[in-house]
Amino acid sequence: MSCGHGKTGKCVSDILRRIADVQSEVTEGCRVSCEQSIEDLVSPVAGNNLNTIPLILYCGCEPFEGFGVRRDNSGFECLSSFFFRVKSVDEHDCAVLELLEVDGMGNGNGGHGPKNPCDQFDESTEFTRTGICITADLTCFCAVSCLPAVNAVMGTTNGRPCNGNHDD
């Protein structure tokens, strides 16, 4: 799907809406693309356990970094991430996005994470769901990059998972 030629003419919104639709159905050409990740997520291979398409959003030429705070047994922890799991997209292009943690990179970082998304990767990178959700206006983004579909497990130090409603 190219920009300006999707259902609504808003390619970032259209892709995130489609990802949200297929991810909600999953229970517990390019090799890497949003279309390929969507296909992998809904693949008829029953045992793949994939439940998330990690994505990076771009504002202008820069990757968007989200920030959130969670509470654990020792108090509050600030987390930042360039990676998100889309929970929902409404008719006004407002999305609920869950911050994804990469191999615990966000733990104890005081909100001062890596300078770019590639700084968070190594050969054993895995994603953990944080339960921290932000609400974003998708019209502010000009690009989306989808990573291959993964099984992102819910972290253990977070509070309740965000439910995809815009009042989280």
N, C-alpha and C. Protein backbone atom coordinates (compact mmCIF):
# COMPACT_ATOMS: atom_id res chain seq x y z
N MET A 1 0.86 -1.17 0.00
CA MET A 1 0.00 0.00 0.00
C MET A 1 0.89 1.22 0.00
N SER A 2 0.69 2.09 -0.92
CA SER A 2 1.51 3.30 -0.99
C SER A 2 0.78 4.47 -0.38
N CYS A 3 1.53 5.47 0.05
CA CYS A 3 0.93 6.63 0.70
C CYS A 3 -0.06 7.31 -0.22
N GLY A 4 -1.19 7.69 0.35
CA GLY A 4 -2.20 8.41 -0.40
C GLY A 4 -3.10 7.52 -1.23
N HIS A 5 -2.83 6.20 -1.24
CA HIS A 5 -3.64 5.32 -2.08
C HIS A 5 -4.33 4.24 -1.27
N GLY A 6 -4.38 4.36 0.05
CA GLY A 6 -5.06 3.39 0.89
C GLY A 6 -6.55 3.68 0.91
N LYS A 7 -7.24 3.00 1.81
CA LYS A 7 -8.68 3.18 1.93
C LYS A 7 -9.06 4.64 2.16
N THR A 8 -8.32 5.30 3.04
CA THR A 8 -8.67 6.67 3.41
C THR A 8 -7.72 7.69 2.84
N GLY A 9 -6.66 7.26 2.18
CA GLY A 9 -5.64 8.19 1.70
C GLY A 9 -4.65 8.53 2.79
N LYS A 10 -4.72 7.85 3.93
CA LYS A 10 -3.83 8.08 5.07
C LYS A 10 -3.11 6.78 5.34
N CYS A 11 -1.96 6.58 4.69
CA CYS A 11 -1.33 5.26 4.69
C CYS A 11 -0.91 4.79 6.08
N VAL A 12 -0.40 5.66 6.94
CA VAL A 12 0.00 5.22 8.27
C VAL A 12 -1.24 4.76 9.03
N SER A 13 -2.31 5.51 8.97
CA SER A 13 -3.56 5.12 9.64
C SER A 13 -4.10 3.81 9.09
N ASP A 14 -4.08 3.68 7.77
CA ASP A 14 -4.61 2.47 7.15
C ASP A 14 -3.83 1.23 7.58
N ILE A 15 -2.49 1.32 7.58
CA ILE A 15 -1.67 0.17 7.99
C ILE A 15 -1.91 -0.16 9.46
N LEU A 16 -1.90 0.85 10.33
CA LEU A 16 -2.10 0.57 11.75
C LEU A 16 -3.48 0.02 12.02
N ARG A 17 -4.49 0.50 11.31
CA ARG A 17 -5.84 -0.01 11.47
C ARG A 17 -5.88 -1.50 11.09
N ARG A 18 -5.22 -1.85 9.99
CA ARG A 18 -5.21 -3.24 9.54
C ARG A 18 -4.45 -4.13 10.54
N ILE A 19 -3.32 -3.64 11.05
CA ILE A 19 -2.57 -4.40 12.04
C ILE A 19 -3.43 -4.62 13.29
N ALA A 20 -4.09 -3.57 13.76
CA ALA A 20 -4.94 -3.70 14.94
C ALA A 20 -6.04 -4.73 14.71
N ASP A 21 -6.61 -4.73 13.52
CA ASP A 21 -7.68 -5.68 13.20
C ASP A 21 -7.18 -7.12 13.26
N VAL A 22 -6.03 -7.41 12.65
CA VAL A 22 -5.56 -8.79 12.64
C VAL A 22 -4.97 -9.20 13.97
N GLN A 23 -4.33 -8.28 14.70
CA GLN A 23 -3.78 -8.64 16.01
C GLN A 23 -4.89 -8.97 16.98
N SER A 24 -6.03 -8.30 16.86
CA SER A 24 -7.13 -8.57 17.79
C SER A 24 -7.72 -9.96 17.57
N GLU A 25 -7.49 -10.55 16.41
CA GLU A 25 -8.00 -11.89 16.11
C GLU A 25 -7.02 -12.98 16.54
N VAL A 26 -5.81 -12.61 16.91
CA VAL A 26 -4.80 -13.59 17.27
C VAL A 26 -4.86 -13.84 18.77
N THR A 27 -4.96 -15.10 19.16
CA THR A 27 -4.89 -15.42 20.58
C THR A 27 -3.47 -15.83 20.86
N GLU A 28 -3.50 -15.66 22.55
CA GLU A 28 -2.18 -16.02 23.01
C GLU A 28 -1.60 -16.86 21.85
N GLY A 29 6.37 -9.67 -1.50
CA GLY A 29 7.39 -9.14 -2.31
C GLY A 29 8.69 -8.86 -1.58
N CYS A 30 8.51 -8.06 -0.27
CA CYS A 30 9.65 -7.75 0.55
C CYS A 30 9.73 -8.80 1.63
N ARG A 31 10.94 -9.11 2.06
CA ARG A 31 11.07 -10.08 3.14
C ARG A 31 10.66 -9.45 4.46
N VAL A 32 10.88 -8.15 4.62
CA VAL A 32 10.46 -7.44 5.83
C VAL A 32 9.68 -6.22 5.38
N SER A 33 8.39 -6.22 5.66
CA SER A 33 7.52 -5.11 5.31
C SER A 33 6.27 -5.22 6.15
N CYS A 34 5.47 -4.18 6.16
CA CYS A 34 4.21 -4.24 6.90
C CYS A 34 3.31 -5.32 6.32
N GLU A 35 3.21 -5.39 5.00
CA GLU A 35 2.36 -6.40 4.37
C GLU A 35 2.83 -7.81 4.71
N GLN A 36 4.16 -8.06 4.68
CA GLN A 36 4.69 -9.38 5.00
C GLN A 36 4.45 -9.71 6.46
N SER A 37 4.62 -8.74 7.36
CA SER A 37 4.39 -8.97 8.78
C SER A 37 2.93 -9.30 9.04
N ILE A 38 2.02 -8.60 8.37
CA ILE A 38 0.59 -8.90 8.51
C ILE A 38 0.31 -10.32 8.03
N GLU A 39 0.87 -10.68 6.88
CA GLU A 39 0.68 -12.03 6.34
C GLU A 39 1.22 -13.09 7.29
N ASP A 40 2.40 -12.85 7.87
CA ASP A 40 2.99 -13.80 8.82
C ASP A 40 2.11 -13.96 10.05
N LEU A 41 1.53 -12.86 10.52
CA LEU A 41 0.70 -12.90 11.73
C LEU A 41 -0.55 -13.75 11.52
N VAL A 42 -1.15 -13.66 10.36
CA VAL A 42 -2.40 -14.40 10.10
C VAL A 42 -2.16 -15.67 9.29
N SER A 43 -0.92 -16.07 9.17
CA SER A 43 -0.56 -17.27 8.43
C SER A 43 -1.33 -18.47 8.95
N PRO A 44 -1.70 -19.39 8.05
CA PRO A 44 -2.44 -20.57 8.50
C PRO A 44 -1.61 -21.54 9.34
N VAL A 45 -0.34 -21.25 9.51
CA VAL A 45 0.49 -22.10 10.36
C VAL A 45 0.00 -21.92 11.79
N ALA A 46 -0.71 -22.90 12.30
CA ALA A 46 -1.40 -22.77 13.58
C ALA A 46 -0.46 -22.63 14.76
N GLY A 47 0.72 -23.21 14.71
CA GLY A 47 1.59 -23.20 15.87
C GLY A 47 2.60 -22.09 15.89
N ASN A 48 2.40 -21.00 15.16
CA ASN A 48 3.44 -19.99 15.09
C ASN A 48 3.51 -19.09 16.33
N ASN A 49 2.45 -19.00 17.12
CA ASN A 49 2.41 -18.22 18.37
C ASN A 49 2.71 -16.74 18.17
N LEU A 50 2.59 -16.23 16.98
CA LEU A 50 2.85 -14.81 16.75
C LEU A 50 1.64 -14.00 17.16
N ASN A 51 1.87 -12.87 17.87
CA ASN A 51 0.74 -12.06 18.34
C ASN A 51 0.96 -10.56 18.19
N THR A 52 2.11 -10.16 17.67
CA THR A 52 2.44 -8.73 17.63
C THR A 52 3.27 -8.40 16.40
N ILE A 53 2.95 -7.26 15.79
CA ILE A 53 3.81 -6.69 14.75
C ILE A 53 4.45 -5.44 15.36
N PRO A 54 5.71 -5.55 15.81
CA PRO A 54 6.38 -4.36 16.35
C PRO A 54 6.53 -3.33 15.24
N LEU A 55 6.33 -2.08 15.59
CA LEU A 55 6.46 -1.05 14.56
C LEU A 55 7.18 0.17 15.09
N ILE A 56 7.76 0.89 14.14
CA ILE A 56 8.44 2.16 14.40
C ILE A 56 7.68 3.21 13.60
N LEU A 57 7.33 4.31 14.25
CA LEU A 57 6.64 5.42 13.59
C LEU A 57 7.63 6.56 13.39
N TYR A 58 7.43 7.33 12.35
CA TYR A 58 8.33 8.43 12.04
C TYR A 58 7.58 9.75 11.99
N CYS A 59 8.15 10.75 12.67
CA CYS A 59 7.70 12.14 12.59
C CYS A 59 8.77 12.85 11.76
N GLY A 60 8.41 13.36 10.60
CA GLY A 60 9.44 13.94 9.74
C GLY A 60 10.42 12.85 9.39
N CYS A 61 11.69 13.11 9.59
CA CYS A 61 12.73 12.12 9.26
C CYS A 61 13.21 11.35 10.48
N GLU A 62 12.65 11.62 11.63
CA GLU A 62 13.12 11.01 12.87
C GLU A 62 12.16 9.94 13.38
N PRO A 63 12.70 8.84 13.94
CA PRO A 63 11.81 7.86 14.57
C PRO A 63 11.19 8.47 15.83
N PHE A 64 9.92 8.15 16.06
CA PHE A 64 9.19 8.65 17.22
C PHE A 64 9.52 7.80 18.43
N GLU A 65 9.84 8.46 19.53
CA GLU A 65 10.13 7.77 20.79
C GLU A 65 9.00 8.06 21.76
N GLY A 66 8.38 7.01 22.26
CA GLY A 66 7.30 7.16 23.23
C GLY A 66 7.82 7.00 24.64
N PHE A 67 7.16 7.69 25.56
CA PHE A 67 7.53 7.63 26.97
C PHE A 67 6.31 7.27 27.79
N GLY A 68 6.53 6.54 28.87
CA GLY A 68 5.45 6.20 29.77
C GLY A 68 6.01 5.85 31.13
N VAL A 69 5.13 5.77 32.10
CA VAL A 69 5.53 5.46 33.47
C VAL A 69 4.68 4.30 33.96
N ARG A 70 5.33 3.38 34.64
CA ARG A 70 4.62 2.28 35.27
C ARG A 70 5.04 2.19 36.72
N ARG A 71 4.21 1.52 37.50
CA ARG A 71 4.51 1.35 38.92
C ARG A 71 4.76 -0.12 39.18
N ASP A 72 5.82 -0.40 39.90
CA ASP A 72 6.07 -1.76 40.35
C ASP A 72 6.19 -1.74 41.87
N ASN A 73 6.67 -2.81 42.46
CA ASN A 73 6.74 -2.91 43.93
C ASN A 73 7.65 -1.87 44.56
N SER A 74 8.63 -1.36 43.81
CA SER A 74 9.56 -0.40 44.38
C SER A 74 9.23 1.05 44.04
N GLY A 75 8.15 1.30 43.30
CA GLY A 75 7.78 2.67 42.98
C GLY A 75 7.52 2.86 41.50
N PHE A 76 7.81 4.05 41.01
CA PHE A 76 7.56 4.37 39.62
C PHE A 76 8.81 4.17 38.78
N GLU A 77 8.59 3.78 37.54
CA GLU A 77 9.69 3.60 36.60
C GLU A 77 9.29 4.25 35.28
N CYS A 78 10.20 5.08 34.75
CA CYS A 78 9.98 5.72 33.45
C CYS A 78 10.59 4.84 32.37
N LEU A 79 9.86 4.65 31.30
CA LEU A 79 10.32 3.81 30.21
C LEU A 79 10.18 4.57 28.91
N SER A 80 11.15 4.43 28.02
CA SER A 80 11.05 5.01 26.68
C SER A 80 11.29 3.90 25.67
N SER A 81 10.64 4.02 24.52
CA SER A 81 10.80 3.01 23.48
C SER A 81 10.50 3.60 22.12
N PHE A 82 11.17 3.08 21.12
CA PHE A 82 10.89 3.41 19.73
C PHE A 82 9.93 2.39 19.13
N PHE A 83 9.59 1.33 19.88
CA PHE A 83 8.82 0.21 19.34
C PHE A 83 7.44 0.16 20.00
N PHE A 84 6.43 -0.11 19.16
CA PHE A 84 5.05 -0.09 19.63
C PHE A 84 4.28 -1.29 19.10
N ARG A 85 3.24 -1.63 19.84
CA ARG A 85 2.23 -2.60 19.42
C ARG A 85 0.93 -1.82 19.32
N VAL A 86 0.31 -1.82 18.16
CA VAL A 86 -0.94 -1.07 18.01
C VAL A 86 -2.06 -1.86 18.67
N LYS A 87 -2.84 -1.18 19.50
CA LYS A 87 -3.96 -1.79 20.20
C LYS A 87 -5.27 -1.50 19.48
N SER A 88 -5.45 -0.25 19.05
CA SER A 88 -6.68 0.11 18.34
C SER A 88 -6.46 1.41 17.59
N VAL A 89 -7.31 1.62 16.58
CA VAL A 89 -7.32 2.85 15.81
C VAL A 89 -8.78 3.23 15.62
N ASP A 90 -9.15 4.44 16.01
CA ASP A 90 -10.55 4.84 15.85
C ASP A 90 -10.78 5.57 14.53
N GLU A 91 -12.02 5.96 14.30
CA GLU A 91 -12.39 6.59 13.03
C GLU A 91 -11.79 7.99 12.86
N HIS A 92 -11.22 8.55 13.92
CA HIS A 92 -10.59 9.88 13.85
C HIS A 92 -9.07 9.79 13.75
N ASP A 93 -8.56 8.60 13.43
CA ASP A 93 -7.12 8.35 13.32
C ASP A 93 -6.38 8.57 14.64
N CYS A 94 -7.06 8.25 15.71
CA CYS A 94 -6.48 8.28 17.04
C CYS A 94 -6.17 6.83 17.41
N ALA A 95 -4.92 6.55 17.79
CA ALA A 95 -4.52 5.18 18.07
C ALA A 95 -4.06 5.02 19.51
N VAL A 96 -4.34 3.85 20.05
CA VAL A 96 -3.76 3.45 21.32
C VAL A 96 -2.59 2.54 20.98
N LEU A 97 -1.40 2.95 21.42
CA LEU A 97 -0.17 2.23 21.14
C LEU A 97 0.46 1.77 22.45
N GLU A 98 0.84 0.51 22.51
CA GLU A 98 1.53 -0.02 23.69
C GLU A 98 3.03 0.02 23.45
N LEU A 99 3.77 0.58 24.41
CA LEU A 99 5.23 0.59 24.32
C LEU A 99 5.73 -0.84 24.47
N LEU A 100 6.66 -1.21 23.61
CA LEU A 100 7.30 -2.52 23.71
C LEU A 100 8.69 -2.33 24.28
N GLU A 101 9.04 -3.22 25.16
CA GLU A 101 10.37 -3.21 25.76
C GLU A 101 11.24 -4.22 25.02
N VAL A 102 12.48 -3.88 24.79
CA VAL A 102 13.40 -4.76 24.08
C VAL A 102 14.38 -5.36 25.07
N ASP A 103 14.25 -6.68 25.30
CA ASP A 103 15.17 -7.39 26.19
C ASP A 103 15.43 -6.66 27.49
N GLY A 104 14.41 -6.01 28.05
CA GLY A 104 14.58 -5.30 29.30
C GLY A 104 15.35 -4.02 29.20
N MET A 105 15.55 -3.50 27.99
CA MET A 105 16.34 -2.27 27.81
C MET A 105 15.75 -1.11 28.58
N GLY A 106 14.44 -1.11 28.80
CA GLY A 106 13.82 0.03 29.46
C GLY A 106 13.90 -0.03 30.97
N ASN A 107 14.23 -1.16 31.53
CA ASN A 107 14.22 -1.29 32.98
C ASN A 107 15.24 -0.38 33.63
N GLY A 108 14.75 0.51 34.45
CA GLY A 108 15.62 1.37 35.22
C GLY A 108 16.37 2.41 34.42
N ASN A 109 15.90 2.70 33.21
CA ASN A 109 16.66 3.65 32.39
C ASN A 109 16.25 5.09 32.66
N GLY A 110 15.29 5.30 33.52
CA GLY A 110 14.88 6.66 33.85
C GLY A 110 14.33 7.41 32.66
N GLY A 111 13.87 6.68 31.65
CA GLY A 111 13.34 7.32 30.46
C GLY A 111 14.40 7.75 29.48
N HIS A 112 15.64 7.39 29.74
CA HIS A 112 16.73 7.78 28.84
C HIS A 112 17.21 6.54 28.10
N GLY A 113 16.52 6.21 27.05
CA GLY A 113 16.82 5.01 26.29
C GLY A 113 17.85 5.27 25.21
N PRO A 114 17.98 4.32 24.31
CA PRO A 114 18.92 4.47 23.20
C PRO A 114 18.59 5.67 22.33
N LYS A 115 19.56 6.13 21.57
CA LYS A 115 19.37 7.31 20.73
C LYS A 115 18.59 7.00 19.45
N ASN A 116 18.56 5.73 19.03
CA ASN A 116 17.79 5.34 17.86
C ASN A 116 17.37 3.88 18.00
N PRO A 117 16.41 3.43 17.21
CA PRO A 117 15.90 2.07 17.36
C PRO A 117 16.96 0.99 17.17
N CYS A 118 17.91 1.19 16.28
CA CYS A 118 18.90 0.16 16.00
C CYS A 118 19.85 -0.07 17.17
N ASP A 119 19.98 0.91 18.07
CA ASP A 119 20.82 0.74 19.25
C ASP A 119 20.26 -0.32 20.20
N GLN A 120 19.01 -0.69 20.03
CA GLN A 120 18.37 -1.62 20.94
C GLN A 120 18.49 -3.08 20.50
N PHE A 121 19.05 -3.33 19.33
CA PHE A 121 19.07 -4.68 18.79
C PHE A 121 20.40 -5.39 18.96
N ASP A 122 20.30 -6.68 19.15
CA ASP A 122 21.41 -7.59 18.98
C ASP A 122 20.84 -8.88 18.41
N GLU A 123 21.64 -9.92 18.31
CA GLU A 123 21.17 -11.14 17.65
C GLU A 123 20.08 -11.88 18.42
N SER A 124 19.87 -11.56 19.69
CA SER A 124 18.87 -12.28 20.48
C SER A 124 17.73 -11.37 20.95
N THR A 125 17.46 -10.32 20.21
CA THR A 125 16.43 -9.37 20.61
C THR A 125 15.06 -10.04 20.70
N GLU A 126 14.37 -9.77 21.81
CA GLU A 126 12.99 -10.20 21.99
C GLU A 126 12.21 -9.01 22.52
N PHE A 127 10.91 -8.98 22.23
CA PHE A 127 10.04 -7.90 22.67
C PHE A 127 9.16 -8.36 23.82
N THR A 128 8.98 -7.46 24.78
CA THR A 128 8.09 -7.69 25.91
C THR A 128 7.05 -6.59 25.93
N ARG A 129 5.80 -6.97 26.14
CA ARG A 129 4.74 -5.97 26.27
C ARG A 129 4.85 -5.32 27.64
N THR A 130 4.71 -4.01 27.69
CA THR A 130 4.88 -3.28 28.94
C THR A 130 3.58 -3.00 29.67
N GLY A 131 2.46 -2.99 28.95
CA GLY A 131 1.20 -2.57 29.55
C GLY A 131 1.08 -1.06 29.60
N ILE A 132 2.09 -0.33 29.13
CA ILE A 132 2.06 1.13 29.09
C ILE A 132 1.54 1.54 27.72
N CYS A 133 0.42 2.26 27.72
CA CYS A 133 -0.18 2.69 26.46
C CYS A 133 -0.20 4.21 26.37
N ILE A 134 -0.01 4.67 25.15
CA ILE A 134 -0.14 6.09 24.86
C ILE A 134 -1.20 6.24 23.77
N THR A 135 -1.82 7.38 23.72
CA THR A 135 -2.78 7.68 22.66
C THR A 135 -2.12 8.66 21.71
N ALA A 136 -2.14 8.33 20.42
CA ALA A 136 -1.43 9.14 19.43
C ALA A 136 -2.36 9.54 18.29
N ASP A 137 -2.15 10.75 17.79
CA ASP A 137 -2.84 11.24 16.59
C ASP A 137 -2.03 10.78 15.40
N LEU A 138 -2.55 9.84 14.64
CA LEU A 138 -1.78 9.25 13.54
C LEU A 138 -1.54 10.21 12.39
N THR A 139 -2.26 11.31 12.34
CA THR A 139 -2.02 12.28 11.28
C THR A 139 -0.69 13.01 11.48
N CYS A 140 -0.08 12.85 12.65
CA CYS A 140 1.21 13.49 12.93
C CYS A 140 2.39 12.68 12.40
N PHE A 141 2.15 11.46 11.93
CA PHE A 141 3.22 10.59 11.48
C PHE A 141 3.24 10.53 9.96
N CYS A 142 4.45 10.44 9.41
CA CYS A 142 4.57 10.38 7.95
C CYS A 142 5.02 9.02 7.44
N ALA A 143 5.47 8.13 8.31
CA ALA A 143 5.92 6.81 7.87
C ALA A 143 5.78 5.81 9.00
N VAL A 144 5.67 4.56 8.61
CA VAL A 144 5.64 3.45 9.57
C VAL A 144 6.55 2.36 9.03
N SER A 145 7.34 1.76 9.91
CA SER A 145 8.20 0.63 9.57
C SER A 145 7.78 -0.54 10.43
N CYS A 146 7.41 -1.64 9.79
CA CYS A 146 6.97 -2.83 10.52
C CYS A 146 8.11 -3.83 10.59
N LEU A 147 8.32 -4.37 11.76
CA LEU A 147 9.29 -5.44 11.95
C LEU A 147 8.58 -6.76 11.73
N PRO A 148 9.32 -7.84 11.58
CA PRO A 148 8.67 -9.15 11.45
C PRO A 148 7.80 -9.46 12.67
N ALA A 149 6.71 -10.17 12.44
CA ALA A 149 5.79 -10.54 13.52
C ALA A 149 6.53 -11.38 14.57
N VAL A 150 6.18 -11.16 15.84
CA VAL A 150 6.83 -11.85 16.96
C VAL A 150 5.78 -12.29 17.97
N ASN A 151 6.22 -13.08 18.92
CA ASN A 151 5.39 -13.40 20.08
C ASN A 151 5.90 -12.52 21.21
N ALA A 152 5.20 -11.42 21.48
CA ALA A 152 5.59 -10.50 22.55
C ALA A 152 4.81 -10.88 23.80
N VAL A 153 5.52 -11.32 24.81
CA VAL A 153 4.87 -11.74 26.05
C VAL A 153 4.66 -10.54 26.96
N MET A 154 3.68 -10.61 27.83
CA MET A 154 3.40 -9.54 28.78
C MET A 154 4.45 -9.59 29.87
N GLY A 155 5.05 -8.43 30.16
CA GLY A 155 6.06 -8.34 31.21
C GLY A 155 5.46 -8.61 32.58
N THR A 156 6.30 -8.85 33.56
CA THR A 156 5.82 -9.21 34.89
C THR A 156 5.81 -8.05 35.87
N THR A 157 6.49 -6.93 35.58
CA THR A 157 6.54 -5.83 36.53
C THR A 157 5.51 -4.75 36.24
N ASN A 158 4.77 -4.93 35.16
CA ASN A 158 3.80 -3.89 34.80
C ASN A 158 2.50 -4.07 35.56
N GLY A 159 1.68 -3.06 35.52
CA GLY A 159 0.35 -3.14 36.11
C GLY A 159 -0.58 -3.87 35.17
N ARG A 160 -1.79 -3.43 35.12
CA ARG A 160 -2.76 -4.08 34.24
C ARG A 160 -2.44 -3.77 32.78
N PRO A 161 -2.74 -4.71 31.89
CA PRO A 161 -2.50 -4.43 30.48
C PRO A 161 -3.45 -3.36 29.97
N CYS A 162 -2.97 -2.56 29.03
CA CYS A 162 -3.88 -1.57 28.45
C CYS A 162 -4.87 -2.30 27.55
N ASN A 163 -6.10 -1.82 27.51
CA ASN A 163 -7.14 -2.56 26.83
C ASN A 163 -7.48 -2.02 25.45
N GLY A 164 -6.80 -1.00 24.99
CA GLY A 164 -7.07 -0.47 23.66
C GLY A 164 -8.12 0.60 23.63
N ASN A 165 -8.70 0.94 24.77
CA ASN A 165 -9.64 2.05 24.83
C ASN A 165 -8.87 3.34 24.91
N HIS A 166 -9.44 4.41 24.43
CA HIS A 166 -8.72 5.69 24.39
C HIS A 166 -8.70 6.40 25.72
N ASP A 167 -9.24 5.79 26.77
CA ASP A 167 -9.19 6.45 28.08
C ASP A 167 -8.22 5.75 29.01
N ASP A 168 -7.31 4.93 28.47
CA ASP A 168 -6.28 4.30 29.30
C ASP A 168 -5.31 5.33 29.82
